[in-house]
Structure formats: structure tokens, C-alpha cells
Amino acid sequence: MALLHVNFFSNVLGMCMQMDVILPQKTNGQIGMQGETKDGKIPTLYLLHGMSDDHTIWQRRTSIERYVSEMGIAVIMPTTHLGWYTDMAYGNRYWTYISEELPAICRSFFNNLSDKREETFVAGLSMGGYGALKMGLAASETFGAVAALSGAVDVNDICIILKDLEDKSFWRNIFGDLDQLKNSKNDLFALASKLKASGKVIPKVYMWCGTEDFLYHQNVKMKNHLTDLGFDLTYEESPGDHQWKYWDEKIQSVLKWISKNSRTLGGL
């Protein structure tokens, strides 16, 4: 595997950004690890971070490079600050950046990356789980399969939890008027219903959440919503709360799920 630390300029955000990139490499002399490549263009996984983290966190908390070494898949790990993968009401256009500009930048830097939706995946945890689902629901023409681990999937619920906060400016800067959030372009439940009604392609979805996680009830609610809409959903839950020892384990489940389903999708 090749690990690249990439600094580049975003025209959408108007500033320098960072991402770490894992590219597949065929190797047979590394101790305890073997690298593989696939014929043709490289399938790509965009791997998103949560609120407290950045583009380095998946490498620091998991063995993601080792896990993908024999898959022949590229992994893009961008930083998106605290923008909640949203074109902020008062701030930067992180949604446009992550869903449109970044894939185009990556494919221009690494022209062997596949541009097929069935070979383009996105996964994330917590805030990144929200971002991953949003990318699948609102940009389904780009992403063929999405996965959310302990996802903060119900922003309406988050705002209810925070309603007693004296200073709501952080959340208003992101989402605008919190009373107008329901059924907006940032409401995943509304996006799922809209996508289903649109007749557009629908991504495969994987979700996992620990039963002791403070976001557990949100994930059950989203599971029921996607099931009622007829989404191709793989949902799993098990004992656990909001911490990395579970995400390190479950990202391996996500990779197995991608590998299994990509045969149907025409990918790996």
C-alpha cells in the first residue's frame, strides 16, 4: 500500500485542505501483510471523520491500511472540520466540497480511480455517519453504497437535545433556523423519502450502532424509516457505546460488506 499525505487548494472553500490517501500496491515482501491490486480502474472508499477529529483519525485509531491491503481499493480520508458535511447557513460550503469538488479533485490527481458509482463508496462514524448517509441520499448518482457507524442520523433530534443550550450559535451557523430544519435539505429522513419518490438510483446502505450508544435510538428510527421505504439496507447492532474499539471492529465489517455487495454492483 502507498500512504499519501495530500495538501491542496479547494476552490469551493477558498482555502488549503488536507486528505490522507491509501492507494493499493501489489507487494509480497512486507512482514505480516500482502498488498494486492485489481485490473482496471480502482474502486474508491471515502472515509469520513466525526466531530472531534480530522483526516488522520482513521489511521491513528484503526488499522485501516492493513484491512484494505488485499482488497485493491483506494481510501480517501478528507478533513471537513466541524462543517457537518453541509453548506453552512453562515460559513463554508462543505457539502458542495465533499460531494462534488473532492471526488473530482481526487480523480484528477489519481486518474486511475474509478468514476463509476458502483465502484465509489462512502463510510463514516458519528458526524461522519451523517455525512456518509447524506452523500448516498443526496448524491446517489455518485455513490453506490454507503455505511454509517454510530451515525448522528437525526439532526432534528440533536437539536431537540440541545434546545436548552443558552448559546445555539454553533448549530445555527451550520443549519440556520433550527425550527426550519425538519424536511430541509439537511434532514436525512426527508432526503430518503425524496430519493425514493424521485425514481433515481438508490444506494445500498449499511448501518451499525451499539445498543448503549447515546445515538442508538436515532439509528433504530432511521433503520425503520429506510426499511419502510424499501431501501436495500443491512442493519446491525450489538453491545457497545460511542468509542473506537467498536469502530475499529465494525469498519472491518463494512469492508466485508462492500466486498460482498460490490460483486452485485459490478465493482470489486
Protein backbone atom coordinates (compact mmCIF):
# COMPACT_ATOMS: atom_id res chain seq x y z
CA MET A 1 0.00 0.00 0.00
CA ALA A 2 1.01 3.59 -0.56
CA LEU A 3 0.06 6.22 2.02
CA LEU A 4 -0.01 9.81 0.78
CA HIS A 5 -0.48 12.99 2.81
CA VAL A 6 -2.01 15.47 0.40
CA ASN A 7 -2.27 19.24 0.83
CA PHE A 8 -4.24 21.02 -1.86
CA PHE A 9 -6.43 24.05 -2.51
CA SER A 10 -10.22 23.95 -2.57
CA ASN A 11 -11.83 26.49 -4.85
CA VAL A 12 -15.21 25.84 -3.21
CA LEU A 13 -13.94 26.55 0.31
CA GLY A 14 -11.35 29.11 -0.75
CA MET A 15 -8.61 27.60 1.42
CA CYS A 16 -5.99 24.90 1.64
CA MET A 17 -7.28 21.48 2.72
CA GLN A 18 -5.81 18.12 3.66
CA MET A 19 -6.55 14.49 2.99
CA ASP A 20 -4.74 11.22 3.56
CA VAL A 21 -4.95 8.70 0.74
CA ILE A 22 -4.29 4.97 0.71
CA LEU A 23 -3.59 3.55 -2.74
CA PRO A 24 -3.33 -0.17 -3.47
CA GLN A 25 0.05 -1.65 -4.36
CA LYS A 26 0.94 -5.24 -5.18
CA THR A 27 3.55 -6.36 -2.66
CA ASN A 28 4.81 -9.70 -1.38
CA GLY A 29 7.80 -8.86 0.80
CA GLN A 30 6.21 -6.90 3.63
CA ILE A 31 6.22 -8.56 7.01
CA GLY A 32 2.76 -9.62 8.11
CA MET A 33 0.94 -8.01 5.19
CA GLN A 34 0.42 -8.51 1.47
CA GLY A 35 -0.77 -5.88 -0.97
CA GLU A 36 -3.00 -6.58 -3.97
CA THR A 37 -4.22 -4.62 -6.96
CA LYS A 38 -7.11 -5.18 -9.34
CA ASP A 39 -7.28 -4.92 -13.12
CA GLY A 40 -8.77 -1.71 -14.45
CA LYS A 41 -9.77 1.39 -12.55
CA ILE A 42 -9.50 1.40 -8.76
CA PRO A 43 -12.68 1.29 -6.61
CA THR A 44 -12.69 4.08 -4.02
CA LEU A 45 -13.90 4.43 -0.45
CA TYR A 46 -14.33 7.91 1.02
CA LEU A 47 -13.90 7.54 4.79
CA LEU A 48 -15.31 10.39 6.91
CA HIS A 49 -14.41 11.53 10.42
CA GLY A 50 -16.53 12.60 13.39
CA MET A 51 -16.82 15.91 15.24
CA SER A 52 -13.68 15.81 17.34
CA ASP A 53 -11.36 14.51 14.64
CA ASP A 54 -9.68 15.11 11.28
CA HIS A 55 -8.30 13.31 8.23
CA THR A 56 -5.68 11.43 10.29
CA ILE A 57 -8.00 9.77 12.77
CA TRP A 58 -8.85 6.53 10.95
CA GLN A 59 -5.16 5.69 10.71
CA ARG A 60 -4.47 6.63 14.32
CA ARG A 61 -7.37 4.67 15.82
CA THR A 62 -7.70 1.70 13.44
CA SER A 63 -5.56 -0.48 11.16
CA ILE A 64 -7.41 0.68 8.04
CA GLU A 65 -4.34 0.36 5.79
CA ARG A 66 -3.84 -3.25 6.81
CA TYR A 67 -7.55 -4.03 6.49
CA VAL A 68 -7.70 -2.88 2.85
CA SER A 69 -4.30 -4.16 1.75
CA GLU A 70 -5.67 -7.19 -0.12
CA MET A 71 -8.84 -5.53 -1.45
CA GLY A 72 -7.25 -3.45 -4.21
CA ILE A 73 -9.29 -0.43 -3.12
CA ALA A 74 -8.28 3.21 -2.60
CA VAL A 75 -9.28 5.01 0.61
CA ILE A 76 -9.73 8.79 0.68
CA MET A 77 -9.73 10.31 4.18
CA PRO A 78 -10.52 14.04 3.98
CA THR A 79 -10.80 16.65 6.68
CA THR A 80 -14.04 18.63 6.82
CA HIS A 81 -13.63 20.45 10.13
CA LEU A 82 -16.90 20.95 12.03
CA GLY A 83 -18.98 21.68 8.97
CA TRP A 84 -21.29 18.68 9.34
CA TYR A 85 -20.92 17.88 5.63
CA THR A 86 -23.29 20.77 4.96
CA ASP A 87 -23.33 24.01 3.04
CA MET A 88 -23.42 26.06 6.22
CA ALA A 89 -26.03 28.76 6.71
CA TYR A 90 -23.25 31.07 7.88
CA GLY A 91 -19.94 29.61 6.83
CA ASN A 92 -18.33 27.35 4.25
CA ARG A 93 -19.88 25.11 1.61
CA TYR A 94 -18.68 21.78 2.96
CA TRP A 95 -21.46 19.81 1.24
CA THR A 96 -20.53 21.06 -2.22
CA TYR A 97 -16.90 20.43 -1.39
CA ILE A 98 -17.27 16.85 -0.15
CA SER A 99 -19.92 15.62 -2.60
CA GLU A 100 -18.79 17.34 -5.81
CA GLU A 101 -15.39 19.01 -5.68
CA LEU A 102 -13.42 16.41 -3.71
CA PRO A 103 -14.27 13.40 -5.94
CA ALA A 104 -13.33 15.47 -8.99
CA ILE A 105 -10.05 16.56 -7.37
CA CYS A 106 -9.18 13.00 -6.38
CA ARG A 107 -9.86 11.68 -9.86
CA SER A 108 -7.72 14.44 -11.38
CA PHE A 109 -4.83 13.74 -9.00
CA PHE A 110 -5.14 9.95 -9.32
CA ASN A 111 -6.57 9.27 -12.77
CA ASN A 112 -6.68 5.52 -12.17
CA LEU A 113 -9.54 5.94 -9.68
CA SER A 114 -12.87 4.68 -10.98
CA ASP A 115 -15.57 7.22 -11.74
CA LYS A 116 -18.33 4.59 -11.71
CA ARG A 117 -20.92 4.98 -8.93
CA GLU A 118 -20.95 1.21 -8.42
CA GLU A 119 -17.23 1.43 -7.59
CA THR A 120 -17.49 4.54 -5.37
CA PHE A 121 -18.34 4.07 -1.69
CA VAL A 122 -18.54 6.29 1.37
CA ALA A 123 -18.49 5.44 5.08
CA GLY A 124 -18.14 7.38 8.30
CA LEU A 125 -18.72 7.44 12.04
CA SER A 126 -20.87 9.71 14.19
CA MET A 127 -20.94 13.08 12.36
CA GLY A 128 -19.24 11.23 9.50
CA GLY A 129 -22.04 8.67 9.56
CA TYR A 130 -24.44 11.55 8.96
CA GLY A 131 -22.20 12.74 6.14
CA ALA A 132 -21.96 9.30 4.56
CA LEU A 133 -25.72 8.76 4.55
CA LYS A 134 -26.27 12.27 3.23
CA MET A 135 -23.85 11.65 0.36
CA GLY A 136 -25.72 8.47 -0.54
CA LEU A 137 -29.17 10.04 -0.30
CA ALA A 138 -28.45 13.42 -1.91
CA ALA A 139 -25.72 12.37 -4.38
CA SER A 140 -26.80 8.84 -5.26
CA GLU A 141 -25.60 9.33 -8.83
CA THR A 142 -22.04 9.40 -7.44
CA PHE A 143 -22.05 6.89 -4.56
CA GLY A 144 -23.25 3.31 -5.00
CA ALA A 145 -23.00 2.11 -1.39
CA VAL A 146 -22.82 3.94 1.93
CA ALA A 147 -22.14 2.91 5.53
CA ALA A 148 -22.77 4.69 8.83
CA LEU A 149 -21.25 3.59 12.13
CA SER A 150 -22.91 5.12 15.21
CA GLY A 151 -24.29 7.74 12.88
CA ALA A 152 -25.73 11.03 14.09
CA VAL A 153 -28.51 10.43 11.61
CA ASP A 154 -31.31 12.57 13.05
CA VAL A 155 -30.27 16.22 13.25
CA ASN A 156 -33.78 17.16 14.37
CA ASP A 157 -33.27 15.00 17.44
CA ILE A 158 -29.85 16.52 18.07
CA CYS A 159 -31.34 19.99 18.05
CA ILE A 160 -34.07 18.89 20.48
CA ILE A 161 -31.35 17.55 22.78
CA LEU A 162 -29.59 20.90 22.56
CA LYS A 163 -32.71 23.06 22.90
CA ASP A 164 -31.84 24.03 26.47
CA LEU A 165 -28.43 25.35 25.50
CA GLU A 166 -28.19 29.07 26.09
CA ASP A 167 -25.85 29.54 23.12
CA LYS A 168 -27.07 27.77 20.00
CA SER A 169 -24.91 29.82 17.65
CA PHE A 170 -22.70 26.87 16.65
CA TRP A 171 -25.69 24.88 15.36
CA ARG A 172 -27.41 27.90 13.80
CA ASN A 173 -24.24 28.73 11.88
CA ILE A 174 -24.40 25.25 10.37
CA PHE A 175 -28.11 24.61 9.87
CA GLY A 176 -29.69 28.06 10.10
CA ASP A 177 -33.06 28.37 11.84
CA LEU A 178 -33.31 25.17 13.87
CA ASP A 179 -37.11 25.35 13.75
CA GLN A 180 -36.87 25.01 9.96
CA LEU A 181 -34.53 22.00 9.97
CA LYS A 182 -37.21 19.33 9.65
CA ASN A 183 -37.85 18.45 6.00
CA SER A 184 -34.93 20.61 4.90
CA LYS A 185 -32.02 19.61 2.63
CA ASN A 186 -30.12 18.60 5.79
CA ASP A 187 -32.81 16.25 7.15
CA LEU A 188 -31.79 12.68 6.24
CA PHE A 189 -35.28 11.32 6.78
CA ALA A 190 -36.70 13.81 4.29
CA LEU A 191 -33.85 13.14 1.85
CA ALA A 192 -34.53 9.39 1.96
CA SER A 193 -38.23 9.91 1.23
CA LYS A 194 -37.42 12.37 -1.56
CA LEU A 195 -34.92 10.00 -3.17
CA LYS A 196 -37.36 7.10 -3.08
CA ALA A 197 -40.08 9.21 -4.72
CA SER A 198 -37.72 10.60 -7.36
CA GLY A 199 -37.11 7.37 -9.23
CA LYS A 200 -33.35 7.97 -9.15
CA VAL A 201 -30.83 5.25 -8.38
CA ILE A 202 -30.72 4.32 -4.69
CA PRO A 203 -27.51 3.25 -2.92
CA LYS A 204 -27.11 0.15 -0.82
CA VAL A 205 -26.89 1.10 2.87
CA TYR A 206 -25.10 -0.45 5.85
CA MET A 207 -25.71 0.75 9.41
CA TRP A 208 -24.32 -0.33 12.76
CA CYS A 209 -24.80 1.16 16.21
CA GLY A 210 -24.05 -0.01 19.72
CA THR A 211 -27.06 -0.60 21.93
CA GLU A 212 -25.54 1.56 24.70
CA ASP A 213 -24.68 4.41 22.33
CA PHE A 214 -26.44 7.73 23.01
CA LEU A 215 -27.32 7.77 19.29
CA TYR A 216 -28.84 4.28 19.33
CA HIS A 217 -32.49 5.39 19.22
CA GLN A 218 -31.72 7.60 16.19
CA ASN A 219 -30.28 4.64 14.32
CA VAL A 220 -33.27 2.43 15.10
CA LYS A 221 -35.56 5.19 13.86
CA MET A 222 -33.56 5.53 10.63
CA LYS A 223 -33.49 1.74 10.18
CA ASN A 224 -37.28 1.63 10.39
CA HIS A 225 -37.64 4.57 8.00
CA LEU A 226 -35.35 3.08 5.34
CA THR A 227 -36.96 -0.34 5.72
CA ASP A 228 -40.44 1.14 5.27
CA LEU A 229 -39.22 2.90 2.11
CA GLY A 230 -37.84 -0.35 0.73
CA PHE A 231 -34.15 0.51 0.77
CA ASP A 232 -31.58 -2.26 0.36
CA LEU A 233 -30.42 -1.96 3.99
CA THR A 234 -28.08 -4.09 6.05
CA TYR A 235 -28.60 -3.12 9.69
CA GLU A 236 -26.60 -4.48 12.61
CA GLU A 237 -26.46 -3.68 16.30
CA SER A 238 -24.52 -5.15 19.19
CA PRO A 239 -23.45 -4.16 22.72
CA GLY A 240 -21.30 -1.06 22.67
CA ASP A 241 -21.17 2.67 23.17
CA HIS A 242 -19.57 5.59 21.30
CA GLN A 243 -15.89 4.66 21.10
CA TRP A 244 -13.15 3.49 18.79
CA LYS A 245 -12.77 -0.10 19.94
CA TYR A 246 -16.14 -0.77 18.30
CA TRP A 247 -15.49 1.30 15.17
CA ASP A 248 -12.15 -0.45 14.64
CA GLU A 249 -14.03 -3.74 14.63
CA LYS A 250 -17.00 -2.57 12.59
CA ILE A 251 -15.06 -0.87 9.81
CA GLN A 252 -13.85 -4.38 9.03
CA SER A 253 -17.49 -5.45 8.75
CA VAL A 254 -18.10 -2.52 6.40
CA LEU A 255 -15.20 -3.58 4.18
CA LYS A 256 -16.50 -7.15 4.02
CA TRP A 257 -19.96 -5.83 3.18
CA ILE A 258 -18.53 -3.63 0.41
CA SER A 259 -16.55 -6.53 -1.00
CA LYS A 260 -19.59 -8.81 -0.96
CA ASN A 261 -22.04 -6.34 -2.42
CA SER A 262 -19.70 -4.88 -4.99
CA ARG A 263 -19.93 -8.10 -6.97
CA THR A 264 -23.61 -7.34 -7.44
CA LEU A 265 -22.85 -3.68 -8.06
CA GLY A 266 -20.28 -4.56 -10.70
CA GLY A 267 -17.33 -3.40 -8.62
CA LEU A 268 -14.69 -5.50 -6.85
